[in-house]
PDB file of N, CA and C in Angstrom:
ATOM      1  N   UNK A   1       4.994  23.191   6.666  1.00  0.00           N
ATOM      2  CA  UNK A   1       5.306  22.380   7.815  1.00  0.00           C
ATOM      3  C   UNK A   1       6.809  22.162   7.907  1.00  0.00           C
ATOM      4  N   UNK A   2       7.592  23.196   7.786  1.00  0.00           N
ATOM      5  CA  UNK A   2       9.025  23.088   7.861  1.00  0.00           C
ATOM      6  C   UNK A   2       9.545  22.763   9.251  1.00  0.00           C
ATOM      7  N   UNK A   3       8.738  22.952  10.280  1.00  0.00           N
ATOM      8  CA  UNK A   3       9.156  22.678  11.652  1.00  0.00           C
ATOM      9  C   UNK A   3       8.861  21.252  12.071  1.00  0.00           C
ATOM     10  N   UNK A   4       8.411  20.434  11.130  1.00  0.00           N
ATOM     11  CA  UNK A   4       8.063  19.057  11.447  1.00  0.00           C
ATOM     12  C   UNK A   4       9.302  18.292  11.886  1.00  0.00           C
ATOM     13  N   UNK A   5       9.181  17.547  12.974  1.00  0.00           N
ATOM     14  CA  UNK A   5      10.296  16.766  13.493  1.00  0.00           C
ATOM     15  C   UNK A   5      10.027  15.295  13.237  1.00  0.00           C
ATOM     16  N   UNK A   6      11.083  14.574  12.904  1.00  0.00           N
ATOM     17  CA  UNK A   6      10.964  13.142  12.666  1.00  0.00           C
ATOM     18  C   UNK A   6      11.988  12.416  13.507  1.00  0.00           C
ATOM     19  N   UNK A   7      11.654  11.192  13.858  1.00  0.00           N
ATOM     20  CA  UNK A   7      12.564  10.368  14.611  1.00  0.00           C
ATOM     21  C   UNK A   7      12.599   8.999  13.949  1.00  0.00           C
ATOM     22  N   UNK A   8      13.778   8.475  13.731  1.00  0.00           N
ATOM     23  CA  UNK A   8      13.933   7.144  13.185  1.00  0.00           C
ATOM     24  C   UNK A   8      14.133   6.168  14.335  1.00  0.00           C
ATOM     25  N   UNK A   9      13.413   5.051  14.279  1.00  0.00           N
ATOM     26  CA  UNK A   9      13.562   4.024  15.305  1.00  0.00           C
ATOM     27  C   UNK A   9      13.756   2.673  14.645  1.00  0.00           C
ATOM     28  N   UNK A  10      14.383   1.776  15.348  1.00  0.00           N
ATOM     29  CA  UNK A  10      14.539   0.417  14.856  1.00  0.00           C
ATOM     30  C   UNK A  10      13.230  -0.333  15.083  1.00  0.00           C
ATOM     31  N   UNK A  11      13.028  -1.387  14.337  1.00  0.00           N
ATOM     32  CA  UNK A  11      11.802  -2.182  14.438  1.00  0.00           C
ATOM     33  C   UNK A  11      11.523  -2.678  15.844  1.00  0.00           C
ATOM     34  N   UNK A  12      12.582  -3.015  16.597  1.00  0.00           N
ATOM     35  CA  UNK A  12      12.374  -3.497  17.962  1.00  0.00           C
ATOM     36  C   UNK A  12      11.787  -2.408  18.850  1.00  0.00           C
ATOM     37  N   UNK A  13      12.191  -1.164  18.643  1.00  0.00           N
ATOM     38  CA  UNK A  13      11.626  -0.051  19.419  1.00  0.00           C
ATOM     39  C   UNK A  13      10.169   0.173  19.043  1.00  0.00           C
ATOM     40  N   UNK A  14       9.890   0.085  17.756  1.00  0.00           N
ATOM     41  CA  UNK A  14       8.518   0.284  17.287  1.00  0.00           C
ATOM     42  C   UNK A  14       7.600  -0.799  17.833  1.00  0.00           C
ATOM     43  N   UNK A  15       8.053  -2.049  17.849  1.00  0.00           N
ATOM     44  CA  UNK A  15       7.212  -3.127  18.370  1.00  0.00           C
ATOM     45  C   UNK A  15       7.042  -2.999  19.880  1.00  0.00           C
ATOM     46  N   UNK A  16       8.089  -2.564  20.582  1.00  0.00           N
ATOM     47  CA  UNK A  16       7.980  -2.383  22.032  1.00  0.00           C
ATOM     48  C   UNK A  16       6.989  -1.276  22.364  1.00  0.00           C
ATOM     49  N   UNK A  17       7.042  -0.175  21.628  1.00  0.00           N
ATOM     50  CA  UNK A  17       6.104   0.925  21.862  1.00  0.00           C
ATOM     51  C   UNK A  17       4.678   0.481  21.558  1.00  0.00           C
ATOM     52  N   UNK A  18       4.492  -0.216  20.457  1.00  0.00           N
ATOM     53  CA  UNK A  18       3.170  -0.716  20.087  1.00  0.00           C
ATOM     54  C   UNK A  18       2.617  -1.632  21.178  1.00  0.00           C
ATOM     55  N   UNK A  19       3.432  -2.550  21.681  1.00  0.00           N
ATOM     56  CA  UNK A  19       3.003  -3.474  22.729  1.00  0.00           C
ATOM     57  C   UNK A  19       2.648  -2.716  24.011  1.00  0.00           C
ATOM     58  N   UNK A  20       3.457  -1.711  24.357  1.00  0.00           N
ATOM     59  CA  UNK A  20       3.196  -0.911  25.556  1.00  0.00           C
ATOM     60  C   UNK A  20       1.851  -0.192  25.450  1.00  0.00           C
ATOM     61  N   UNK A  21       1.611   0.459  24.317  1.00  0.00           N
ATOM     62  CA  UNK A  21       0.344   1.200  24.140  1.00  0.00           C
ATOM     63  C   UNK A  21      -0.839   0.239  24.189  1.00  0.00           C
ATOM     64  N   UNK A  22      -0.724  -0.897  23.502  1.00  0.00           N
ATOM     65  CA  UNK A  22      -1.828  -1.875  23.495  1.00  0.00           C
ATOM     66  C   UNK A  22      -2.110  -2.407  24.890  1.00  0.00           C
ATOM     67  N   UNK A  23      -1.058  -2.661  25.683  1.00  0.00           N
ATOM     68  CA  UNK A  23      -1.244  -3.212  27.023  1.00  0.00           C
ATOM     69  C   UNK A  23      -1.741  -2.159  28.009  1.00  0.00           C
ATOM     70  N   UNK A  24      -1.168  -0.975  27.941  1.00  0.00           N
ATOM     71  CA  UNK A  24      -1.489   0.074  28.905  1.00  0.00           C
ATOM     72  C   UNK A  24      -2.812   0.777  28.600  1.00  0.00           C
ATOM     73  N   UNK A  25      -3.089   0.958  27.306  1.00  0.00           N
ATOM     74  CA  UNK A  25      -4.297   1.675  26.883  1.00  0.00           C
ATOM     75  C   UNK A  25      -5.060   0.862  25.834  1.00  0.00           C
ATOM     76  N   UNK A  26      -5.508  -0.347  26.175  1.00  0.00           N
ATOM     77  CA  UNK A  26      -6.126  -1.212  25.162  1.00  0.00           C
ATOM     78  C   UNK A  26      -7.343  -0.593  24.471  1.00  0.00           C
ATOM     79  N   UNK A  27      -8.093   0.207  25.183  1.00  0.00           N
ATOM     80  CA  UNK A  27      -9.296   0.814  24.592  1.00  0.00           C
ATOM     81  C   UNK A  27      -8.987   2.058  23.767  1.00  0.00           C
ATOM     82  N   UNK A  28      -7.745   2.547  23.823  1.00  0.00           N
ATOM     83  CA  UNK A  28      -7.409   3.784  23.114  1.00  0.00           C
ATOM     84  C   UNK A  28      -6.332   3.591  22.056  1.00  0.00           C
ATOM     85  N   UNK A  29      -5.939   2.316  21.807  1.00  0.00           N
ATOM     86  CA  UNK A  29      -4.889   2.045  20.828  1.00  0.00           C
ATOM     87  C   UNK A  29      -5.243   2.625  19.461  1.00  0.00           C
ATOM     88  N   UNK A  30      -6.450   2.382  18.990  1.00  0.00           N
ATOM     89  CA  UNK A  30      -6.866   2.884  17.666  1.00  0.00           C
ATOM     90  C   UNK A  30      -6.812   4.411  17.635  1.00  0.00           C
ATOM     91  N   UNK A  31      -7.233   5.039  18.707  1.00  0.00           N
ATOM     92  CA  UNK A  31      -7.184   6.509  18.798  1.00  0.00           C
ATOM     93  C   UNK A  31      -5.739   7.001  18.686  1.00  0.00           C
ATOM     94  N   UNK A  32      -4.821   6.290  19.337  1.00  0.00           N
ATOM     95  CA  UNK A  32      -3.401   6.654  19.275  1.00  0.00           C
ATOM     96  C   UNK A  32      -2.874   6.528  17.855  1.00  0.00           C
ATOM     97  N   UNK A  33      -3.180   5.423  17.189  1.00  0.00           N
ATOM     98  CA  UNK A  33      -2.719   5.218  15.811  1.00  0.00           C
ATOM     99  C   UNK A  33      -3.264   6.331  14.913  1.00  0.00           C
ATOM    100  N   UNK A  34      -4.524   6.674  15.067  1.00  0.00           N
ATOM    101  CA  UNK A  34      -5.134   7.714  14.233  1.00  0.00           C
ATOM    102  C   UNK A  34      -4.529   9.097  14.469  1.00  0.00           C
ATOM    103  N   UNK A  35      -3.934   9.316  15.637  1.00  0.00           N
ATOM    104  CA  UNK A  35      -3.336  10.624  15.944  1.00  0.00           C
ATOM    105  C   UNK A  35      -1.930  10.773  15.351  1.00  0.00           C
ATOM    106  N   UNK A  36      -1.370   9.692  14.842  1.00  0.00           N
ATOM    107  CA  UNK A  36      -0.012   9.712  14.305  1.00  0.00           C
ATOM    108  C   UNK A  36       0.043  10.330  12.911  1.00  0.00           C
ATOM    109  N   UNK A  37       1.217  10.815  12.505  1.00  0.00           N
ATOM    110  CA  UNK A  37       1.386  11.267  11.119  1.00  0.00           C
ATOM    111  C   UNK A  37       1.154  10.079  10.169  1.00  0.00           C
ATOM    112  N   UNK A  38       0.796  10.373   8.937  1.00  0.00           N
ATOM    113  CA  UNK A  38       0.434   9.334   7.972  1.00  0.00           C
ATOM    114  C   UNK A  38       1.502   8.248   7.833  1.00  0.00           C
ATOM    115  N   UNK A  39       2.748   8.641   7.743  1.00  0.00           N
ATOM    116  CA  UNK A  39       3.838   7.666   7.584  1.00  0.00           C
ATOM    117  C   UNK A  39       3.909   6.717   8.788  1.00  0.00           C
ATOM    118  N   UNK A  40       3.713   7.256   9.978  1.00  0.00           N
ATOM    119  CA  UNK A  40       3.733   6.432  11.189  1.00  0.00           C
ATOM    120  C   UNK A  40       2.510   5.536  11.254  1.00  0.00           C
ATOM    121  N   UNK A  41       1.357   6.045  10.828  1.00  0.00           N
ATOM    122  CA  UNK A  41       0.139   5.225  10.805  1.00  0.00           C
ATOM    123  C   UNK A  41       0.354   3.972   9.978  1.00  0.00           C
ATOM    124  N   UNK A  42       1.000   4.130   8.831  1.00  0.00           N
ATOM    125  CA  UNK A  42       1.252   2.982   7.955  1.00  0.00           C
ATOM    126  C   UNK A  42       2.110   1.942   8.665  1.00  0.00           C
ATOM    127  N   UNK A  43       3.072   2.388   9.432  1.00  0.00           N
ATOM    128  CA  UNK A  43       3.953   1.467  10.157  1.00  0.00           C
ATOM    129  C   UNK A  43       3.162   0.723  11.228  1.00  0.00           C
ATOM    130  N   UNK A  44       2.424   1.445  12.050  1.00  0.00           N
ATOM    131  CA  UNK A  44       1.718   0.827  13.167  1.00  0.00           C
ATOM    132  C   UNK A  44       0.420   0.133  12.767  1.00  0.00           C
ATOM    133  N   UNK A  45      -0.090   0.389  11.589  1.00  0.00           N
ATOM    134  CA  UNK A  45      -1.305  -0.276  11.133  1.00  0.00           C
ATOM    135  C   UNK A  45      -0.990  -1.629  10.488  1.00  0.00           C
ATOM    136  N   UNK A  46       0.243  -1.816  10.061  1.00  0.00           N
ATOM    137  CA  UNK A  46       0.636  -3.072   9.434  1.00  0.00           C
ATOM    138  C   UNK A  46       1.506  -3.896  10.367  1.00  0.00           C
ATOM    139  N   UNK A  47       2.142  -4.890   9.826  1.00  0.00           N
ATOM    140  CA  UNK A  47       3.068  -5.720  10.604  1.00  0.00           C
ATOM    141  C   UNK A  47       4.412  -5.002  10.683  1.00  0.00           C
ATOM    142  N   UNK A  48       5.016  -5.068  11.834  1.00  0.00           N
ATOM    143  CA  UNK A  48       6.324  -4.447  12.031  1.00  0.00           C
ATOM    144  C   UNK A  48       7.366  -5.561  12.077  1.00  0.00           C
ATOM    145  N   UNK A  49       8.281  -5.501  11.146  1.00  0.00           N
ATOM    146  CA  UNK A  49       9.371  -6.472  11.136  1.00  0.00           C
ATOM    147  C   UNK A  49      10.588  -5.813  11.766  1.00  0.00           C
ATOM    148  N   UNK A  50      11.127  -6.404  12.802  1.00  0.00           N
ATOM    149  CA  UNK A  50      12.238  -5.816  13.546  1.00  0.00           C
ATOM    150  C   UNK A  50      13.461  -5.575  12.675  1.00  0.00           C
ATOM    151  N   UNK A  51      13.646  -6.343  11.631  1.00  0.00           N
ATOM    152  CA  UNK A  51      14.836  -6.208  10.800  1.00  0.00           C
ATOM    153  C   UNK A  51      14.652  -5.236   9.645  1.00  0.00           C
ATOM    154  N   UNK A  52      13.482  -4.650   9.468  1.00  0.00           N
ATOM    155  CA  UNK A  52      13.226  -3.748   8.353  1.00  0.00           C
ATOM    156  C   UNK A  52      13.788  -2.358   8.584  1.00  0.00           C
ATOM    157  N   UNK A  53      14.007  -1.968   9.810  1.00  0.00           N
ATOM    158  CA  UNK A  53      14.393  -0.588  10.086  1.00  0.00           C
ATOM    159  C   UNK A  53      15.850  -0.464  10.286  1.00  0.00           C
TER     160      UNK A  53
END
């Protein structure tokens, strides 16, 4: 998987994206989290602290 791309975001961006997905697609939020790479799943499955990133 050498072509794997990663993006670093600040906690505020992660919380904004999470809020957007939950509001816009409330019935599919879990499906979205499950489609993420493992490292991202851990971030979105737990609490996101804006100052951690």
